[in-house]
Amino acid sequence: MGNLHRSDRKEPHLAFDLMEEFRSPIVDSLVMWLLNKKVLRPTDFTFPNAEGGVYLESAARRVFLKHFEDRISEAVSYPGLADPVSCRRVIQLQVQLYKRCLKGEARYEPFLRSV
């Protein structure tokens, strides 16, 4: 069950919903940085398979995951907290806020990363 993502297939729709607000500030911006800085190059990707899928080669996947771990561990400010917290912690805090919202205890405010 989810609010934004739905289909007839059995997928973790709620997880998709919860990660949506972090797609751009964490993943998309990281991918663009890796490509613009030429950390990842066209040769790091497979040719499309029979279904049209394109994937990172194993070595490039390790590079991406290392940079992803750095990004998700990066400290950012969070409303209501004096000290910066990791992006990973922000996700946890947003999930807790979503839960309180569903219970009618709080209003959900999406996380907006300030630069």
C-alpha atoms as a PDB file:
ATOM      1  CA  MET A   1       0.000   0.000   0.000  1.00  0.00           C
ATOM      2  CA  GLY A   2       1.251   3.488  -0.785  1.00  0.00           C
ATOM      3  CA  ASN A   3       0.168   7.050  -1.393  1.00  0.00           C
ATOM      4  CA  LEU A   4       2.109   7.914  -4.551  1.00  0.00           C
ATOM      5  CA  HIS A   5       3.029   4.528  -6.039  1.00  0.00           C
ATOM      6  CA  ARG A   6       0.458   1.850  -6.818  1.00  0.00           C
ATOM      7  CA  SER A   7       0.048  -1.059  -9.145  1.00  0.00           C
ATOM      8  CA  ASP A   8      -1.444  -4.528  -9.232  1.00  0.00           C
ATOM      9  CA  ARG A   9       1.971  -6.075  -8.596  1.00  0.00           C
ATOM     10  CA  LYS A  10       3.224  -6.875  -5.113  1.00  0.00           C
ATOM     11  CA  GLU A  11       5.898  -4.230  -4.576  1.00  0.00           C
ATOM     12  CA  PRO A  12       6.953  -2.192  -1.540  1.00  0.00           C
ATOM     13  CA  HIS A  13       4.906   0.865  -2.560  1.00  0.00           C
ATOM     14  CA  LEU A  14       5.185   2.564   0.823  1.00  0.00           C
ATOM     15  CA  ALA A  15       8.991   2.271   0.668  1.00  0.00           C
ATOM     16  CA  PHE A  16       8.904   3.844  -2.815  1.00  0.00           C
ATOM     17  CA  ASP A  17       6.781   6.698  -1.427  1.00  0.00           C
ATOM     18  CA  LEU A  18       9.060   7.291   1.544  1.00  0.00           C
ATOM     19  CA  MET A  19      12.209   7.433  -0.589  1.00  0.00           C
ATOM     20  CA  GLU A  20      10.731   9.746  -3.229  1.00  0.00           C
ATOM     21  CA  GLU A  21      11.611  13.012  -1.491  1.00  0.00           C
ATOM     22  CA  PHE A  22      15.251  11.860  -1.228  1.00  0.00           C
ATOM     23  CA  ARG A  23      15.659  10.771  -4.841  1.00  0.00           C
ATOM     24  CA  SER A  24      16.712  14.183  -6.139  1.00  0.00           C
ATOM     25  CA  PRO A  25      18.808  15.569  -3.251  1.00  0.00           C
ATOM     26  CA  ILE A  26      20.684  12.333  -2.620  1.00  0.00           C
ATOM     27  CA  VAL A  27      20.684  10.038  -5.657  1.00  0.00           C
ATOM     28  CA  ASP A  28      20.025  12.190  -8.723  1.00  0.00           C
ATOM     29  CA  SER A  29      22.469  14.897  -7.664  1.00  0.00           C
ATOM     30  CA  LEU A  30      25.101  12.244  -6.911  1.00  0.00           C
ATOM     31  CA  VAL A  31      24.650  10.597 -10.313  1.00  0.00           C
ATOM     32  CA  MET A  32      24.953  13.956 -12.078  1.00  0.00           C
ATOM     33  CA  TRP A  33      28.087  14.807 -10.078  1.00  0.00           C
ATOM     34  CA  LEU A  34      29.678  11.423 -10.869  1.00  0.00           C
ATOM     35  CA  LEU A  35      28.972  11.866 -14.577  1.00  0.00           C
ATOM     36  CA  ASN A  36      29.992  15.540 -14.765  1.00  0.00           C
ATOM     37  CA  LYS A  37      33.256  14.863 -12.913  1.00  0.00           C
ATOM     38  CA  LYS A  38      33.838  11.826 -15.170  1.00  0.00           C
ATOM     39  CA  VAL A  39      34.083   9.513 -12.176  1.00  0.00           C
ATOM     40  CA  LEU A  40      31.713   7.280 -14.158  1.00  0.00           C
ATOM     41  CA  ARG A  41      32.123   7.050 -17.929  1.00  0.00           C
ATOM     42  CA  PRO A  42      30.069   5.479 -20.732  1.00  0.00           C
ATOM     43  CA  THR A  43      32.353   2.429 -20.660  1.00  0.00           C
ATOM     44  CA  ASP A  44      31.240   1.775 -17.063  1.00  0.00           C
ATOM     45  CA  PHE A  45      27.776   0.783 -18.311  1.00  0.00           C
ATOM     46  CA  THR A  46      26.587  -2.362 -20.078  1.00  0.00           C
ATOM     47  CA  PHE A  47      24.951  -2.293 -23.474  1.00  0.00           C
ATOM     48  CA  PRO A  48      21.153  -2.631 -23.300  1.00  0.00           C
ATOM     49  CA  ASN A  49      20.037  -6.197 -22.634  1.00  0.00           C
ATOM     50  CA  ALA A  50      17.085  -7.911 -24.343  1.00  0.00           C
ATOM     51  CA  GLU A  51      14.632  -6.062 -22.081  1.00  0.00           C
ATOM     52  CA  GLY A  52      16.400  -2.716 -22.651  1.00  0.00           C
ATOM     53  CA  GLY A  53      18.098  -2.598 -19.249  1.00  0.00           C
ATOM     54  CA  VAL A  54      21.447  -0.844 -18.847  1.00  0.00           C
ATOM     55  CA  TYR A  55      23.539  -1.594 -15.766  1.00  0.00           C
ATOM     56  CA  LEU A  56      26.765  -0.524 -14.118  1.00  0.00           C
ATOM     57  CA  GLU A  57      29.689  -2.895 -14.504  1.00  0.00           C
ATOM     58  CA  SER A  58      30.880  -4.460 -11.230  1.00  0.00           C
ATOM     59  CA  ALA A  59      33.879  -2.162 -10.691  1.00  0.00           C
ATOM     60  CA  ALA A  60      31.792   0.945 -11.443  1.00  0.00           C
ATOM     61  CA  ARG A  61      29.044  -0.281  -9.111  1.00  0.00           C
ATOM     62  CA  ARG A  62      31.604  -0.427  -6.286  1.00  0.00           C
ATOM     63  CA  VAL A  63      32.677   3.155  -7.101  1.00  0.00           C
ATOM     64  CA  PHE A  64      29.053   4.319  -7.119  1.00  0.00           C
ATOM     65  CA  LEU A  65      28.278   2.584  -3.804  1.00  0.00           C
ATOM     66  CA  LYS A  66      31.345   4.135  -2.148  1.00  0.00           C
ATOM     67  CA  HIS A  67      30.230   7.618  -3.244  1.00  0.00           C
ATOM     68  CA  PHE A  68      26.629   6.841  -2.285  1.00  0.00           C
ATOM     69  CA  GLU A  69      27.761   5.853   1.201  1.00  0.00           C
ATOM     70  CA  ASP A  70      29.712   9.117   1.453  1.00  0.00           C
ATOM     71  CA  ARG A  71      26.639  11.085   0.334  1.00  0.00           C
ATOM     72  CA  ILE A  72      24.155   9.401   2.665  1.00  0.00           C
ATOM     73  CA  SER A  73      26.586   9.843   5.569  1.00  0.00           C
ATOM     74  CA  GLU A  74      26.988  13.556   4.824  1.00  0.00           C
ATOM     75  CA  ALA A  75      25.825  15.852   7.637  1.00  0.00           C
ATOM     76  CA  VAL A  76      22.951  18.226   6.870  1.00  0.00           C
ATOM     77  CA  SER A  77      20.782  20.520   8.954  1.00  0.00           C
ATOM     78  CA  TYR A  78      17.343  19.290   9.955  1.00  0.00           C
ATOM     79  CA  PRO A  79      14.476  21.501  11.157  1.00  0.00           C
ATOM     80  CA  GLY A  80      14.155  21.526  14.922  1.00  0.00           C
ATOM     81  CA  LEU A  81      17.606  20.050  15.582  1.00  0.00           C
ATOM     82  CA  ALA A  82      20.542  22.203  16.672  1.00  0.00           C
ATOM     83  CA  ASP A  83      23.266  19.944  15.300  1.00  0.00           C
ATOM     84  CA  PRO A  84      23.582  18.557  11.762  1.00  0.00           C
ATOM     85  CA  VAL A  85      22.663  14.900  11.225  1.00  0.00           C
ATOM     86  CA  SER A  86      23.485  12.429   8.449  1.00  0.00           C
ATOM     87  CA  CYS A  87      21.182  12.065   5.469  1.00  0.00           C
ATOM     88  CA  ARG A  88      20.594   8.511   6.695  1.00  0.00           C
ATOM     89  CA  ARG A  89      19.280   9.924   9.996  1.00  0.00           C
ATOM     90  CA  VAL A  90      17.109  12.441   8.115  1.00  0.00           C
ATOM     91  CA  ILE A  91      15.416   9.530   6.334  1.00  0.00           C
ATOM     92  CA  GLN A  92      14.730   7.868   9.685  1.00  0.00           C
ATOM     93  CA  LEU A  93      13.333  11.107  11.101  1.00  0.00           C
ATOM     94  CA  GLN A  94      11.073  11.579   8.074  1.00  0.00           C
ATOM     95  CA  VAL A  95       9.737   8.014   8.393  1.00  0.00           C
ATOM     96  CA  GLN A  96       8.925   8.708  12.052  1.00  0.00           C
ATOM     97  CA  LEU A  97       7.204  11.960  11.049  1.00  0.00           C
ATOM     98  CA  TYR A  98       5.200  10.119   8.371  1.00  0.00           C
ATOM     99  CA  LYS A  99       4.092   7.573  10.964  1.00  0.00           C
ATOM    100  CA  ARG A 100       2.966  10.352  13.348  1.00  0.00           C
ATOM    101  CA  CYS A 101       1.123  11.994  10.455  1.00  0.00           C
ATOM    102  CA  LEU A 102      -0.777   8.782   9.664  1.00  0.00           C
ATOM    103  CA  LYS A 103      -1.789   8.573  13.325  1.00  0.00           C
ATOM    104  CA  GLY A 104      -3.052  12.167  13.202  1.00  0.00           C
ATOM    105  CA  GLU A 105      -0.395  13.385  15.640  1.00  0.00           C
ATOM    106  CA  ALA A 106       1.549  15.703  13.342  1.00  0.00           C
ATOM    107  CA  ARG A 107       1.461  17.389   9.971  1.00  0.00           C
ATOM    108  CA  TYR A 108       3.868  15.946   7.405  1.00  0.00           C
ATOM    109  CA  GLU A 109       6.437  18.408   6.109  1.00  0.00           C
ATOM    110  CA  PRO A 110       8.765  17.141   3.401  1.00  0.00           C
ATOM    111  CA  PHE A 111      12.488  17.494   3.972  1.00  0.00           C
ATOM    112  CA  LEU A 112      13.973  20.283   1.901  1.00  0.00           C
ATOM    113  CA  ARG A 113      17.742  20.174   1.832  1.00  0.00           C
ATOM    114  CA  SER A 114      19.276  23.614   2.031  1.00  0.00           C
ATOM    115  CA  VAL A 115      22.557  24.192   0.268  1.00  0.00           C
END
